[in-house]
Structure formats: structure tokens, C-alpha cells
Amino acid sequence: MAIPALAAVQPTSYLPSAAPAAPATGGVGFGDQLGGAITNLQSLQGASGDLAVKALTGNLTDIHQATLASTRAQVTLELVAAVRNKGVDAFNEIMRMQA
């Protein structure tokens, strides 16, 4: 069994393209980044669902595509949930400091 060349592996972006750090006066805010990540997550989940349907109906020629799409969607969901949880924890900590 031959192992595919690394050049054939396509990179993915789980979050919107990361721009270099911008000064505080401009740039993309945290909410915008999180919103972009959620939008990307929705598109990954949609693609995963479409490929899963194709796999179940027999219209998919390469089952690896469905497996990779499903894994990408799962990892992205875990990442977005972790970032959200950290944001909530930070907010709660700030609220405790004010009390």
C-alpha cells in the first residue's frame, strides 16, 4: 500500500485567515474573528453533511473525503467551543474582580 505524497495533502484553515497583529486603533475585533470562525464552522459542517449523504448513497468515489471533512468539522467545533469557554471564563473573572 503506497502512502500518498505530502504534496497531495491540502492545507485547511479552521479559522479565518490570520492577519498580522494590527494596532489598537484598527483591525479585526475579537467578535469579528469569532463570528468568522462560526461561519467557517457552518460551512465545514455543511460540506461534511453533503459528503456523508453522498457516501451513504454511493455517489462518493473517495470515502476519505467524507472522513476528512467530518474530522475537520469536529475539530473546528471543539476549537470554537474552547475559545468561547475561555471567553466566558475571562468575563466571569473580570466580574469577580469588580465585586
PDB file of N, CA and C in Angstrom:
ATOM      1  N   MET A   1       0.857  -1.182   0.000  1.00  0.00           N
ATOM      2  CA  MET A   1       0.000   0.000   0.000  1.00  0.00           C
ATOM      3  C   MET A   1       0.891   1.229   0.000  1.00  0.00           C
ATOM      4  N   ALA A   2       0.714   2.094  -0.947  1.00  0.00           N
ATOM      5  CA  ALA A   2       1.545   3.293  -1.083  1.00  0.00           C
ATOM      6  C   ALA A   2       0.982   4.424  -0.234  1.00  0.00           C
ATOM      7  N   ILE A   3       1.878   5.178   0.353  1.00  0.00           N
ATOM      8  CA  ILE A   3       1.481   6.348   1.140  1.00  0.00           C
ATOM      9  C   ILE A   3       1.478   7.547   0.206  1.00  0.00           C
ATOM     10  N   PRO A   4       0.370   8.324   0.206  1.00  0.00           N
ATOM     11  CA  PRO A   4       0.317   9.468  -0.706  1.00  0.00           C
ATOM     12  C   PRO A   4       1.383  10.494  -0.343  1.00  0.00           C
ATOM     13  N   ALA A   5       1.845  11.191  -1.343  1.00  0.00           N
ATOM     14  CA  ALA A   5       2.873  12.212  -1.127  1.00  0.00           C
ATOM     15  C   ALA A   5       2.308  13.357  -0.315  1.00  0.00           C
ATOM     16  N   LEU A   6       3.139  13.978   0.498  1.00  0.00           N
ATOM     17  CA  LEU A   6       2.699  15.095   1.313  1.00  0.00           C
ATOM     18  C   LEU A   6       2.240  16.265   0.469  1.00  0.00           C
ATOM     19  N   ALA A   7       2.752  16.373  -0.740  1.00  0.00           N
ATOM     20  CA  ALA A   7       2.348  17.476  -1.614  1.00  0.00           C
ATOM     21  C   ALA A   7       0.874  17.354  -1.998  1.00  0.00           C
ATOM     22  N   ALA A   8       0.322  16.137  -1.944  1.00  0.00           N
ATOM     23  CA  ALA A   8      -1.081  15.936  -2.302  1.00  0.00           C
ATOM     24  C   ALA A   8      -2.024  16.359  -1.177  1.00  0.00           C
ATOM     25  N   VAL A   9      -1.505  16.494   0.037  1.00  0.00           N
ATOM     26  CA  VAL A   9      -2.337  16.888   1.171  1.00  0.00           C
ATOM     27  C   VAL A   9      -2.594  18.383   1.082  1.00  0.00           C
ATOM     28  N   GLN A  10      -3.867  18.752   1.138  1.00  0.00           N
ATOM     29  CA  GLN A  10      -4.229  20.151   1.016  1.00  0.00           C
ATOM     30  C   GLN A  10      -4.364  20.766   2.403  1.00  0.00           C
ATOM     31  N   PRO A  11      -3.750  21.939   2.627  1.00  0.00           N
ATOM     32  CA  PRO A  11      -3.869  22.583   3.928  1.00  0.00           C
ATOM     33  C   PRO A  11      -5.291  23.093   4.132  1.00  0.00           C
ATOM     34  N   THR A  12      -5.685  23.166   5.385  1.00  0.00           N
ATOM     35  CA  THR A  12      -7.007  23.699   5.713  1.00  0.00           C
ATOM     36  C   THR A  12      -6.843  24.867   6.660  1.00  0.00           C
ATOM     37  N   SER A  13      -7.855  25.706   6.699  1.00  0.00           N
ATOM     38  CA  SER A  13      -7.846  26.783   7.678  1.00  0.00           C
ATOM     39  C   SER A  13      -9.095  26.628   8.518  1.00  0.00           C
ATOM     40  N   TYR A  14      -8.896  26.397   9.780  1.00  0.00           N
ATOM     41  CA  TYR A  14     -10.017  26.203  10.677  1.00  0.00           C
ATOM     42  C   TYR A  14     -10.586  27.533  11.128  1.00  0.00           C
ATOM     43  N   LEU A  15      -9.799  28.567  11.085  1.00  0.00           N
ATOM     44  CA  LEU A  15     -10.254  29.905  11.422  1.00  0.00           C
ATOM     45  C   LEU A  15     -10.046  30.798  10.210  1.00  0.00           C
ATOM     46  N   PRO A  16     -10.726  31.926  10.153  1.00  0.00           N
ATOM     47  CA  PRO A  16     -10.492  32.841   9.032  1.00  0.00           C
ATOM     48  C   PRO A  16      -9.013  33.199   8.954  1.00  0.00           C
ATOM     49  N   SER A  17      -8.571  33.619   7.790  1.00  0.00           N
ATOM     50  CA  SER A  17      -7.149  33.890   7.601  1.00  0.00           C
ATOM     51  C   SER A  17      -6.635  34.840   8.665  1.00  0.00           C
ATOM     52  N   ALA A  18      -5.550  34.435   9.281  1.00  0.00           N
ATOM     53  CA  ALA A  18      -4.977  35.228  10.365  1.00  0.00           C
ATOM     54  C   ALA A  18      -4.174  36.376   9.779  1.00  0.00           C
ATOM     55  N   ALA A  19      -4.576  37.562  10.113  1.00  0.00           N
ATOM     56  CA  ALA A  19      -3.849  38.748   9.663  1.00  0.00           C
ATOM     57  C   ALA A  19      -2.811  39.105  10.716  1.00  0.00           C
ATOM     58  N   PRO A  20      -1.735  39.775  10.325  1.00  0.00           N
ATOM     59  CA  PRO A  20      -0.756  40.179  11.324  1.00  0.00           C
ATOM     60  C   PRO A  20      -1.396  41.123  12.332  1.00  0.00           C
ATOM     61  N   ALA A  21      -0.826  41.150  13.526  1.00  0.00           N
ATOM     62  CA  ALA A  21      -1.375  41.979  14.596  1.00  0.00           C
ATOM     63  C   ALA A  21      -1.452  43.433  14.148  1.00  0.00           C
ATOM     64  N   ALA A  22      -2.621  44.019  14.321  1.00  0.00           N
ATOM     65  CA  ALA A  22      -2.851  45.400  13.915  1.00  0.00           C
ATOM     66  C   ALA A  22      -2.828  46.292  15.148  1.00  0.00           C
ATOM     67  N   PRO A  23      -2.532  47.570  14.986  1.00  0.00           N
ATOM     68  CA  PRO A  23      -2.562  48.472  16.118  1.00  0.00           C
ATOM     69  C   PRO A  23      -3.963  48.545  16.718  1.00  0.00           C
ATOM     70  N   ALA A  24      -4.067  48.996  17.955  1.00  0.00           N
ATOM     71  CA  ALA A  24      -5.333  49.028  18.672  1.00  0.00           C
ATOM     72  C   ALA A  24      -6.354  49.949  18.002  1.00  0.00           C
ATOM     73  N   THR A  25      -5.910  50.873  17.176  1.00  0.00           N
ATOM     74  CA  THR A  25      -6.835  51.817  16.555  1.00  0.00           C
ATOM     75  C   THR A  25      -7.603  51.207  15.397  1.00  0.00           C
ATOM     76  N   GLY A  26      -7.180  50.097  14.863  1.00  0.00           N
ATOM     77  CA  GLY A  26      -7.865  49.473  13.737  1.00  0.00           C
ATOM     78  C   GLY A  26      -7.647  47.983  13.758  1.00  0.00           C
ATOM     79  N   GLY A  27      -8.234  47.309  12.830  1.00  0.00           N
ATOM     80  CA  GLY A  27      -8.034  45.875  12.740  1.00  0.00           C
ATOM     81  C   GLY A  27      -9.329  45.133  13.009  1.00  0.00           C
ATOM     82  N   VAL A  28      -9.220  43.829  13.056  1.00  0.00           N
ATOM     83  CA  VAL A  28     -10.374  42.978  13.240  1.00  0.00           C
ATOM     84  C   VAL A  28     -10.548  42.705  14.727  1.00  0.00           C
ATOM     85  N   GLY A  29     -11.760  42.871  15.213  1.00  0.00           N
ATOM     86  CA  GLY A  29     -12.042  42.646  16.619  1.00  0.00           C
ATOM     87  C   GLY A  29     -12.245  41.175  16.936  1.00  0.00           C
ATOM     88  N   PHE A  30     -12.242  40.893  18.222  1.00  0.00           N
ATOM     89  CA  PHE A  30     -12.428  39.519  18.688  1.00  0.00           C
ATOM     90  C   PHE A  30     -13.779  38.972  18.238  1.00  0.00           C
ATOM     91  N   GLY A  31     -14.810  39.796  18.347  1.00  0.00           N
ATOM     92  CA  GLY A  31     -16.144  39.354  17.943  1.00  0.00           C
ATOM     93  C   GLY A  31     -16.214  39.024  16.464  1.00  0.00           C
ATOM     94  N   ASP A  32     -15.525  39.816  15.656  1.00  0.00           N
ATOM     95  CA  ASP A  32     -15.496  39.553  14.220  1.00  0.00           C
ATOM     96  C   ASP A  32     -14.764  38.245  13.915  1.00  0.00           C
ATOM     97  N   GLN A  33     -13.663  38.017  14.612  1.00  0.00           N
ATOM     98  CA  GLN A  33     -12.909  36.781  14.417  1.00  0.00           C
ATOM     99  C   GLN A  33     -13.742  35.572  14.824  1.00  0.00           C
ATOM    100  N   LEU A  34     -14.414  35.682  15.975  1.00  0.00           N
ATOM    101  CA  LEU A  34     -15.235  34.575  16.448  1.00  0.00           C
ATOM    102  C   LEU A  34     -16.414  34.342  15.501  1.00  0.00           C
ATOM    103  N   GLY A  35     -17.016  35.416  15.010  1.00  0.00           N
ATOM    104  CA  GLY A  35     -18.098  35.286  14.037  1.00  0.00           C
ATOM    105  C   GLY A  35     -17.629  34.621  12.751  1.00  0.00           C
ATOM    106  N   GLY A  36     -16.428  34.988  12.298  1.00  0.00           N
ATOM    107  CA  GLY A  36     -15.862  34.354  11.105  1.00  0.00           C
ATOM    108  C   GLY A  36     -15.586  32.876  11.323  1.00  0.00           C
ATOM    109  N   ALA A  37     -15.121  32.544  12.527  1.00  0.00           N
ATOM    110  CA  ALA A  37     -14.859  31.140  12.843  1.00  0.00           C
ATOM    111  C   ALA A  37     -16.155  30.334  12.849  1.00  0.00           C
ATOM    112  N   ILE A  38     -17.226  30.938  13.360  1.00  0.00           N
ATOM    113  CA  ILE A  38     -18.514  30.244  13.388  1.00  0.00           C
ATOM    114  C   ILE A  38     -19.053  30.067  11.969  1.00  0.00           C
ATOM    115  N   THR A  39     -18.897  31.084  11.142  1.00  0.00           N
ATOM    116  CA  THR A  39     -19.318  30.973   9.744  1.00  0.00           C
ATOM    117  C   THR A  39     -18.538  29.868   9.041  1.00  0.00           C
ATOM    118  N   ASN A  40     -17.231  29.817   9.284  1.00  0.00           N
ATOM    119  CA  ASN A  40     -16.392  28.773   8.697  1.00  0.00           C
ATOM    120  C   ASN A  40     -16.817  27.402   9.212  1.00  0.00           C
ATOM    121  N   LEU A  41     -17.148  27.320  10.491  1.00  0.00           N
ATOM    122  CA  LEU A  41     -17.605  26.065  11.074  1.00  0.00           C
ATOM    123  C   LEU A  41     -18.878  25.591  10.389  1.00  0.00           C
ATOM    124  N   GLN A  42     -19.799  26.510  10.151  1.00  0.00           N
ATOM    125  CA  GLN A  42     -21.048  26.138   9.490  1.00  0.00           C
ATOM    126  C   GLN A  42     -20.802  25.613   8.081  1.00  0.00           C
ATOM    127  N   SER A  43     -19.880  26.242   7.368  1.00  0.00           N
ATOM    128  CA  SER A  43     -19.589  25.763   6.015  1.00  0.00           C
ATOM    129  C   SER A  43     -18.909  24.398   6.048  1.00  0.00           C
ATOM    130  N   LEU A  44     -18.020  24.171   7.026  1.00  0.00           N
ATOM    131  CA  LEU A  44     -17.380  22.861   7.154  1.00  0.00           C
ATOM    132  C   LEU A  44     -18.399  21.783   7.505  1.00  0.00           C
ATOM    133  N   GLN A  45     -19.335  22.114   8.397  1.00  0.00           N
ATOM    134  CA  GLN A  45     -20.361  21.138   8.757  1.00  0.00           C
ATOM    135  C   GLN A  45     -21.283  20.848   7.581  1.00  0.00           C
ATOM    136  N   GLY A  46     -21.589  21.873   6.794  1.00  0.00           N
ATOM    137  CA  GLY A  46     -22.414  21.662   5.605  1.00  0.00           C
ATOM    138  C   GLY A  46     -21.730  20.762   4.590  1.00  0.00           C
ATOM    139  N   ALA A  47     -20.449  21.031   4.359  1.00  0.00           N
ATOM    140  CA  ALA A  47     -19.685  20.203   3.418  1.00  0.00           C
ATOM    141  C   ALA A  47     -19.588  18.768   3.924  1.00  0.00           C
ATOM    142  N   SER A  48     -19.388  18.618   5.224  1.00  0.00           N
ATOM    143  CA  SER A  48     -19.311  17.285   5.819  1.00  0.00           C
ATOM    144  C   SER A  48     -20.626  16.544   5.657  1.00  0.00           C
ATOM    145  N   GLY A  49     -21.725  17.246   5.882  1.00  0.00           N
ATOM    146  CA  GLY A  49     -23.038  16.622   5.718  1.00  0.00           C
ATOM    147  C   GLY A  49     -23.301  16.204   4.283  1.00  0.00           C
ATOM    148  N   ASP A  50     -22.942  17.060   3.344  1.00  0.00           N
ATOM    149  CA  ASP A  50     -23.128  16.737   1.926  1.00  0.00           C
ATOM    150  C   ASP A  50     -22.321  15.499   1.527  1.00  0.00           C
ATOM    151  N   LEU A  51     -21.069  15.453   1.985  1.00  0.00           N
ATOM    152  CA  LEU A  51     -20.222  14.299   1.649  1.00  0.00           C
ATOM    153  C   LEU A  51     -20.716  13.033   2.335  1.00  0.00           C
ATOM    154  N   ALA A  52     -21.268  13.165   3.545  1.00  0.00           N
ATOM    155  CA  ALA A  52     -21.808  11.993   4.243  1.00  0.00           C
ATOM    156  C   ALA A  52     -23.007  11.430   3.475  1.00  0.00           C
ATOM    157  N   VAL A  53     -23.863  12.312   2.966  1.00  0.00           N
ATOM    158  CA  VAL A  53     -25.015  11.859   2.173  1.00  0.00           C
ATOM    159  C   VAL A  53     -24.541  11.171   0.906  1.00  0.00           C
ATOM    160  N   LYS A  54     -23.537  11.763   0.248  1.00  0.00           N
ATOM    161  CA  LYS A  54     -23.002  11.138  -0.962  1.00  0.00           C
ATOM    162  C   LYS A  54     -22.404   9.765  -0.653  1.00  0.00           C
ATOM    163  N   ALA A  55     -21.729   9.655   0.494  1.00  0.00           N
ATOM    164  CA  ALA A  55     -21.133   8.372   0.867  1.00  0.00           C
ATOM    165  C   ALA A  55     -22.211   7.326   1.128  1.00  0.00           C
ATOM    166  N   LEU A  56     -23.292   7.728   1.769  1.00  0.00           N
ATOM    167  CA  LEU A  56     -24.357   6.776   2.083  1.00  0.00           C
ATOM    168  C   LEU A  56     -25.156   6.358   0.851  1.00  0.00           C
ATOM    169  N   THR A  57     -25.250   7.255  -0.119  1.00  0.00           N
ATOM    170  CA  THR A  57     -25.994   6.919  -1.334  1.00  0.00           C
ATOM    171  C   THR A  57     -25.122   6.246  -2.391  1.00  0.00           C
ATOM    172  N   GLY A  58     -23.822   6.166  -2.126  1.00  0.00           N
ATOM    173  CA  GLY A  58     -22.924   5.507  -3.068  1.00  0.00           C
ATOM    174  C   GLY A  58     -22.428   6.406  -4.174  1.00  0.00           C
ATOM    175  N   ASN A  59     -22.635   7.704  -4.060  1.00  0.00           N
ATOM    176  CA  ASN A  59     -22.200   8.637  -5.100  1.00  0.00           C
ATOM    177  C   ASN A  59     -20.824   9.230  -4.828  1.00  0.00           C
ATOM    178  N   LEU A  60     -20.151   8.779  -3.796  1.00  0.00           N
ATOM    179  CA  LEU A  60     -18.833   9.314  -3.444  1.00  0.00           C
ATOM    180  C   LEU A  60     -17.771   8.314  -3.868  1.00  0.00           C
ATOM    181  N   THR A  61     -16.811   8.789  -4.645  1.00  0.00           N
ATOM    182  CA  THR A  61     -15.776   7.882  -5.145  1.00  0.00           C
ATOM    183  C   THR A  61     -14.655   7.665  -4.132  1.00  0.00           C
ATOM    184  N   ASP A  62     -14.420   8.633  -3.249  1.00  0.00           N
ATOM    185  CA  ASP A  62     -13.328   8.519  -2.282  1.00  0.00           C
ATOM    186  C   ASP A  62     -13.877   8.778  -0.878  1.00  0.00           C
ATOM    187  N   ILE A  63     -14.010   7.730  -0.081  1.00  0.00           N
ATOM    188  CA  ILE A  63     -14.579   7.848   1.264  1.00  0.00           C
ATOM    189  C   ILE A  63     -13.692   8.689   2.177  1.00  0.00           C
ATOM    190  N   HIS A  64     -12.420   8.821   1.813  1.00  0.00           N
ATOM    191  CA  HIS A  64     -11.512   9.628   2.626  1.00  0.00           C
ATOM    192  C   HIS A  64     -11.936  11.093   2.658  1.00  0.00           C
ATOM    193  N   GLN A  65     -12.541  11.562   1.584  1.00  0.00           N
ATOM    194  CA  GLN A  65     -13.024  12.945   1.553  1.00  0.00           C
ATOM    195  C   GLN A  65     -14.065  13.168   2.633  1.00  0.00           C
ATOM    196  N   ALA A  66     -14.993  12.245   2.779  1.00  0.00           N
ATOM    197  CA  ALA A  66     -16.044  12.374   3.793  1.00  0.00           C
ATOM    198  C   ALA A  66     -15.451  12.286   5.194  1.00  0.00           C
ATOM    199  N   THR A  67     -14.497  11.391   5.384  1.00  0.00           N
ATOM    200  CA  THR A  67     -13.873  11.238   6.694  1.00  0.00           C
ATOM    201  C   THR A  67     -13.104  12.499   7.075  1.00  0.00           C
ATOM    202  N   LEU A  68     -12.338  13.037   6.140  1.00  0.00           N
ATOM    203  CA  LEU A  68     -11.576  14.257   6.420  1.00  0.00           C
ATOM    204  C   LEU A  68     -12.496  15.444   6.686  1.00  0.00           C
ATOM    205  N   ALA A  69     -13.552  15.575   5.921  1.00  0.00           N
ATOM    206  CA  ALA A  69     -14.489  16.689   6.122  1.00  0.00           C
ATOM    207  C   ALA A  69     -15.153  16.587   7.484  1.00  0.00           C
ATOM    208  N   SER A  70     -15.515  15.391   7.881  1.00  0.00           N
ATOM    209  CA  SER A  70     -16.142  15.183   9.184  1.00  0.00           C
ATOM    210  C   SER A  70     -15.174  15.521  10.314  1.00  0.00           C
ATOM    211  N   THR A  71     -13.936  15.097  10.173  1.00  0.00           N
ATOM    212  CA  THR A  71     -12.932  15.375  11.198  1.00  0.00           C
ATOM    213  C   THR A  71     -12.627  16.861  11.274  1.00  0.00           C
ATOM    214  N   ARG A  72     -12.534  17.541  10.137  1.00  0.00           N
ATOM    215  CA  ARG A  72     -12.303  18.992  10.130  1.00  0.00           C
ATOM    216  C   ARG A  72     -13.424  19.720  10.858  1.00  0.00           C
ATOM    217  N   ALA A  73     -14.663  19.331  10.570  1.00  0.00           N
ATOM    218  CA  ALA A  73     -15.803  19.971  11.222  1.00  0.00           C
ATOM    219  C   ALA A  73     -15.783  19.715  12.723  1.00  0.00           C
ATOM    220  N   GLN A  74     -15.441  18.506  13.134  1.00  0.00           N
ATOM    221  CA  GLN A  74     -15.398  18.167  14.563  1.00  0.00           C
ATOM    222  C   GLN A  74     -14.305  18.949  15.282  1.00  0.00           C
ATOM    223  N   VAL A  75     -13.112  19.012  14.709  1.00  0.00           N
ATOM    224  CA  VAL A  75     -12.003  19.731  15.336  1.00  0.00           C
ATOM    225  C   VAL A  75     -12.302  21.228  15.410  1.00  0.00           C
ATOM    226  N   THR A  76     -12.897  21.766  14.368  1.00  0.00           N
ATOM    227  CA  THR A  76     -13.243  23.188  14.360  1.00  0.00           C
ATOM    228  C   THR A  76     -14.298  23.486  15.416  1.00  0.00           C
ATOM    229  N   LEU A  77     -15.280  22.608  15.564  1.00  0.00           N
ATOM    230  CA  LEU A  77     -16.300  22.798  16.591  1.00  0.00           C
ATOM    231  C   LEU A  77     -15.670  22.789  17.979  1.00  0.00           C
ATOM    232  N   GLU A  78     -14.754  21.870  18.211  1.00  0.00           N
ATOM    233  CA  GLU A  78     -14.076  21.813  19.509  1.00  0.00           C
ATOM    234  C   GLU A  78     -13.261  23.082  19.756  1.00  0.00           C
ATOM    235  N   LEU A  79     -12.604  23.592  18.716  1.00  0.00           N
ATOM    236  CA  LEU A  79     -11.802  24.803  18.856  1.00  0.00           C
ATOM    237  C   LEU A  79     -12.677  26.015  19.163  1.00  0.00           C
ATOM    238  N   VAL A  80     -13.770  26.173  18.425  1.00  0.00           N
ATOM    239  CA  VAL A  80     -14.666  27.312  18.649  1.00  0.00           C
ATOM    240  C   VAL A  80     -15.280  27.218  20.043  1.00  0.00           C
ATOM    241  N   ALA A  81     -15.663  26.035  20.469  1.00  0.00           N
ATOM    242  CA  ALA A  81     -16.233  25.868  21.808  1.00  0.00           C
ATOM    243  C   ALA A  81     -15.203  26.191  22.889  1.00  0.00           C
ATOM    244  N   ALA A  82     -13.952  25.796  22.683  1.00  0.00           N
ATOM    245  CA  ALA A  82     -12.907  26.088  23.666  1.00  0.00           C
ATOM    246  C   ALA A  82     -12.649  27.593  23.768  1.00  0.00           C
ATOM    247  N   VAL A  83     -12.631  28.272  22.622  1.00  0.00           N
ATOM    248  CA  VAL A  83     -12.424  29.725  22.633  1.00  0.00           C
ATOM    249  C   VAL A  83     -13.598  30.412  23.326  1.00  0.00           C
ATOM    250  N   ARG A  84     -14.809  29.956  23.021  1.00  0.00           N
ATOM    251  CA  ARG A  84     -15.990  30.519  23.681  1.00  0.00           C
ATOM    252  C   ARG A  84     -15.928  30.311  25.194  1.00  0.00           C
ATOM    253  N   ASN A  85     -15.552  29.107  25.626  1.00  0.00           N
ATOM    254  CA  ASN A  85     -15.464  28.820  27.057  1.00  0.00           C
ATOM    255  C   ASN A  85     -14.420  29.689  27.740  1.00  0.00           C
ATOM    256  N   LYS A  86     -13.294  29.896  27.087  1.00  0.00           N
ATOM    257  CA  LYS A  86     -12.256  30.759  27.663  1.00  0.00           C
ATOM    258  C   LYS A  86     -12.744  32.197  27.758  1.00  0.00           C
ATOM    259  N   GLY A  87     -13.498  32.643  26.760  1.00  0.00           N
ATOM    260  CA  GLY A  87     -14.057  33.990  26.798  1.00  0.00           C
ATOM    261  C   GLY A  87     -15.039  34.152  27.950  1.00  0.00           C
ATOM    262  N   VAL A  88     -15.883  33.163  28.166  1.00  0.00           N
ATOM    263  CA  VAL A  88     -16.840  33.207  29.281  1.00  0.00           C
ATOM    264  C   VAL A  88     -16.094  33.185  30.609  1.00  0.00           C
ATOM    265  N   ASP A  89     -15.068  32.348  30.718  1.00  0.00           N
ATOM    266  CA  ASP A  89     -14.262  32.304  31.947  1.00  0.00           C
ATOM    267  C   ASP A  89     -13.605  33.651  32.220  1.00  0.00           C
ATOM    268  N   ALA A  90     -13.072  34.289  31.179  1.00  0.00           N
ATOM    269  CA  ALA A  90     -12.433  35.600  31.346  1.00  0.00           C
ATOM    270  C   ALA A  90     -13.456  36.638  31.786  1.00  0.00           C
ATOM    271  N   PHE A  91     -14.644  36.616  31.199  1.00  0.00           N
ATOM    272  CA  PHE A  91     -15.697  37.552  31.589  1.00  0.00           C
ATOM    273  C   PHE A  91     -16.084  37.349  33.056  1.00  0.00           C
ATOM    274  N   ASN A  92     -16.254  36.103  33.452  1.00  0.00           N
ATOM    275  CA  ASN A  92     -16.607  35.818  34.853  1.00  0.00           C
ATOM    276  C   ASN A  92     -15.513  36.273  35.808  1.00  0.00           C
ATOM    277  N   GLU A  93     -14.261  36.101  35.417  1.00  0.00           N
ATOM    278  CA  GLU A  93     -13.143  36.540  36.265  1.00  0.00           C
ATOM    279  C   GLU A  93     -13.139  38.056  36.404  1.00  0.00           C
ATOM    280  N   ILE A  94     -13.400  38.770  35.334  1.00  0.00           N
ATOM    281  CA  ILE A  94     -13.472  40.235  35.392  1.00  0.00           C
ATOM    282  C   ILE A  94     -14.612  40.670  36.295  1.00  0.00           C
ATOM    283  N   MET A  95     -15.744  39.988  36.207  1.00  0.00           N
ATOM    284  CA  MET A  95     -16.881  40.340  37.051  1.00  0.00           C
ATOM    285  C   MET A  95     -16.578  40.078  38.528  1.00  0.00           C
ATOM    286  N   ARG A  96     -15.801  39.044  38.826  1.00  0.00           N
ATOM    287  CA  ARG A  96     -15.419  38.763  40.218  1.00  0.00           C
ATOM    288  C   ARG A  96     -14.475  39.833  40.747  1.00  0.00           C
ATOM    289  N   MET A  97     -13.621  40.363  39.867  1.00  0.00           N
ATOM    290  CA  MET A  97     -12.681  41.406  40.293  1.00  0.00           C
ATOM    291  C   MET A  97     -13.420  42.690  40.664  1.00  0.00           C
ATOM    292  N   GLN A  98     -14.518  42.959  40.016  1.00  0.00           N
ATOM    293  CA  GLN A  98     -15.259  44.172  40.277  1.00  0.00           C
ATOM    294  C   GLN A  98     -16.084  44.086  41.552  1.00  0.00           C
ATOM    295  N   ALA A  99     -16.363  42.903  42.023  1.00  0.00           N
ATOM    296  CA  ALA A  99     -17.205  42.731  43.222  1.00  0.00           C
ATOM    297  C   ALA A  99     -16.431  42.985  44.484  1.00  0.00           C
TER     298      ALA A  99
END
